[in-house]
Amino acid sequence: AGRGDDPGRVIIQTLNPDHYALTHAATGSMEAFYDAELAFRQETGYPPFVHLAALYLTGTAAASVEREGQALAGRIRALRRETGGRVEILGPSPAPLVKLRGRFRWQLLLKALHRTPLHRLLARLRGAYTPPSGVRLQIDVDPVDLM
């Protein structure tokens, strides 16, 4: 937080001051943070222990995007049954940035232990689903962030 050789001071406001990310940041223990984060990701089923695909629906009419999110989730559930059901579906829910550049955003997250069932489901979805006029679908496999 300082400049050059001048030390600085960082102030963090949080409701969870004992969170491992903050305690390790305060001590500068990057290796301990890495170990704790990997354990958390393994326990909760997030990369690198599972594979993800984020599906984003966007449109200028909030109600249409929300309605299509529900419809897409239903379609994915049906396809999941047809392809063996080894993909977990989270959502739909409003995206963290619910409105971006004038477009409302909803998201679904697909999680799988192995790539094959996830890719098989997405391939079937591409052939079986077309968003309605005014709604766009973006699929991000192995997303870097979920914003």
Protein backbone atom coordinates (compact mmCIF):
# COMPACT_ATOMS: atom_id res chain seq x y z
CA ALA A 1 0.00 0.00 0.00
CA GLY A 2 3.03 2.25 0.25
CA ARG A 3 5.03 3.90 -2.50
CA GLY A 4 8.61 2.86 -3.10
CA ASP A 5 10.45 2.59 0.20
CA ASP A 6 7.68 4.40 2.08
CA PRO A 7 5.54 1.98 4.09
CA GLY A 8 1.81 2.22 3.72
CA ARG A 9 -1.26 1.27 5.64
CA VAL A 10 -4.24 -0.79 4.47
CA ILE A 11 -7.66 -0.56 6.07
CA ILE A 12 -10.14 -3.35 5.36
CA GLN A 13 -13.76 -3.18 6.43
CA THR A 14 -15.34 -6.62 6.77
CA LEU A 15 -18.02 -8.58 8.57
CA ASN A 16 -15.71 -11.60 8.68
CA PRO A 17 -12.31 -10.49 10.02
CA ASP A 18 -11.31 -14.08 10.82
CA HIS A 19 -11.67 -15.30 7.22
CA TYR A 20 -8.55 -17.15 6.15
CA ALA A 21 -8.01 -14.86 3.15
CA LEU A 22 -7.73 -11.84 5.44
CA THR A 23 -5.70 -13.50 8.17
CA HIS A 24 -3.18 -14.84 5.64
CA ALA A 25 -3.05 -11.50 3.81
CA ALA A 26 -2.33 -9.74 7.09
CA THR A 27 0.60 -12.05 7.79
CA GLY A 28 1.77 -12.19 4.17
CA SER A 29 1.53 -15.97 4.17
CA MET A 30 0.77 -16.74 0.53
CA GLU A 31 1.52 -20.45 0.87
CA ALA A 32 -0.86 -20.84 3.82
CA PHE A 33 -3.55 -18.98 1.87
CA TYR A 34 -3.00 -21.24 -1.14
CA ASP A 35 -3.31 -24.37 1.01
CA ALA A 36 -6.48 -23.10 2.73
CA GLU A 37 -8.05 -22.01 -0.56
CA LEU A 38 -7.35 -25.37 -2.22
CA ALA A 39 -8.87 -27.22 0.74
CA PHE A 40 -11.95 -24.97 0.57
CA ARG A 41 -12.33 -25.50 -3.18
CA GLN A 42 -12.03 -29.26 -2.83
CA GLU A 43 -14.57 -29.35 0.00
CA THR A 44 -17.10 -27.18 -1.86
CA GLY A 45 -16.54 -28.63 -5.32
CA TYR A 46 -14.91 -25.84 -7.29
CA PRO A 47 -11.94 -25.75 -9.68
CA PRO A 48 -9.46 -27.24 -9.96
CA PHE A 49 -11.42 -30.19 -8.53
CA VAL A 50 -14.44 -29.85 -10.83
CA HIS A 51 -15.14 -28.39 -14.25
CA LEU A 52 -17.48 -25.44 -14.73
CA ALA A 53 -19.52 -23.80 -17.43
CA ALA A 54 -21.20 -20.45 -16.86
CA LEU A 55 -24.25 -19.66 -18.97
CA TYR A 56 -25.32 -16.03 -19.19
CA LEU A 57 -28.62 -14.80 -20.57
CA THR A 58 -28.84 -11.11 -21.39
CA GLY A 59 -31.51 -8.80 -22.73
CA THR A 60 -33.01 -5.35 -22.43
CA ALA A 61 -36.24 -6.55 -20.76
CA ALA A 62 -35.61 -7.80 -17.21
CA ALA A 63 -38.73 -9.99 -17.06
CA SER A 64 -37.92 -11.69 -20.37
CA VAL A 65 -34.40 -12.53 -19.27
CA GLU A 66 -35.59 -13.92 -15.93
CA ARG A 67 -38.33 -15.96 -17.60
CA GLU A 68 -35.86 -17.32 -20.13
CA GLY A 69 -33.46 -18.23 -17.32
CA GLN A 70 -36.17 -20.45 -15.83
CA ALA A 71 -36.95 -21.96 -19.23
CA LEU A 72 -33.27 -22.64 -19.95
CA ALA A 73 -32.82 -24.29 -16.55
CA GLY A 74 -35.77 -26.57 -17.28
CA ARG A 75 -34.35 -27.47 -20.68
CA ILE A 76 -30.95 -28.24 -19.15
CA ARG A 77 -32.55 -30.45 -16.48
CA ALA A 78 -34.32 -32.44 -19.19
CA LEU A 79 -31.10 -32.79 -21.20
CA ARG A 80 -29.21 -33.79 -18.07
CA ARG A 81 -31.61 -36.70 -17.55
CA GLU A 82 -31.09 -37.75 -21.18
CA THR A 83 -27.28 -37.57 -20.92
CA GLY A 84 -26.81 -39.40 -17.63
CA GLY A 85 -27.28 -36.69 -15.01
CA ARG A 86 -23.66 -36.20 -13.93
CA VAL A 87 -23.82 -32.41 -14.14
CA GLU A 88 -24.95 -30.21 -11.24
CA ILE A 89 -27.05 -27.16 -12.12
CA LEU A 90 -26.84 -24.04 -9.97
CA GLY A 91 -29.39 -21.33 -10.69
CA PRO A 92 -30.76 -19.59 -12.54
CA SER A 93 -30.09 -16.45 -10.58
CA PRO A 94 -29.35 -12.81 -11.32
CA ALA A 95 -25.71 -12.37 -12.33
CA PRO A 96 -23.51 -10.49 -9.83
CA LEU A 97 -23.60 -7.53 -12.22
CA VAL A 98 -27.34 -7.75 -12.85
CA LYS A 99 -27.28 -4.96 -15.42
CA LEU A 100 -24.32 -4.24 -17.65
CA ARG A 101 -24.25 -1.85 -20.60
CA GLY A 102 -28.03 -1.55 -20.60
CA ARG A 103 -28.67 -5.31 -20.59
CA PHE A 104 -30.12 -7.37 -17.74
CA ARG A 105 -28.16 -10.53 -16.92
CA TRP A 106 -29.09 -13.92 -15.44
CA GLN A 107 -26.76 -16.86 -15.04
CA LEU A 108 -26.64 -20.60 -14.56
CA LEU A 109 -23.59 -22.51 -13.45
CA LEU A 110 -22.96 -26.10 -14.47
CA LYS A 111 -20.53 -28.23 -12.44
CA ALA A 112 -19.15 -31.67 -13.26
CA LEU A 113 -16.38 -33.86 -11.89
CA HIS A 114 -15.33 -34.77 -15.43
CA ARG A 115 -15.31 -32.76 -18.65
CA THR A 116 -17.05 -35.35 -20.81
CA PRO A 117 -20.55 -35.15 -19.25
CA LEU A 118 -20.35 -31.36 -19.17
CA HIS A 119 -19.29 -31.10 -22.81
CA ARG A 120 -21.88 -33.68 -23.85
CA LEU A 121 -24.64 -31.70 -22.14
CA LEU A 122 -23.48 -28.42 -23.69
CA ALA A 123 -23.31 -29.98 -27.15
CA ARG A 124 -26.87 -31.25 -26.78
CA LEU A 125 -27.97 -27.85 -25.50
CA ARG A 126 -26.51 -26.05 -28.52
CA GLY A 127 -28.56 -28.27 -30.81
CA ALA A 128 -31.75 -28.15 -28.74
CA TYR A 129 -32.03 -24.55 -27.55
CA THR A 130 -32.27 -21.19 -29.23
CA PRO A 131 -33.00 -18.14 -27.09
CA PRO A 132 -36.00 -16.06 -28.12
CA SER A 133 -35.67 -12.78 -29.94
CA GLY A 134 -34.23 -10.09 -27.67
CA VAL A 135 -32.36 -12.54 -25.43
CA ARG A 136 -28.76 -13.65 -25.96
CA LEU A 137 -27.04 -16.73 -24.55
CA GLN A 138 -23.31 -16.78 -23.82
CA ILE A 139 -21.58 -19.98 -22.68
CA ASP A 140 -18.23 -19.74 -20.91
CA VAL A 141 -16.52 -23.10 -20.32
CA ASP A 142 -13.94 -23.04 -17.53
CA PRO A 143 -14.70 -19.39 -16.71
CA VAL A 144 -11.91 -17.30 -15.26
CA ASP A 145 -14.39 -15.26 -13.23
CA LEU A 146 -18.11 -15.37 -12.55
CA MET A 147 -18.96 -11.70 -12.79
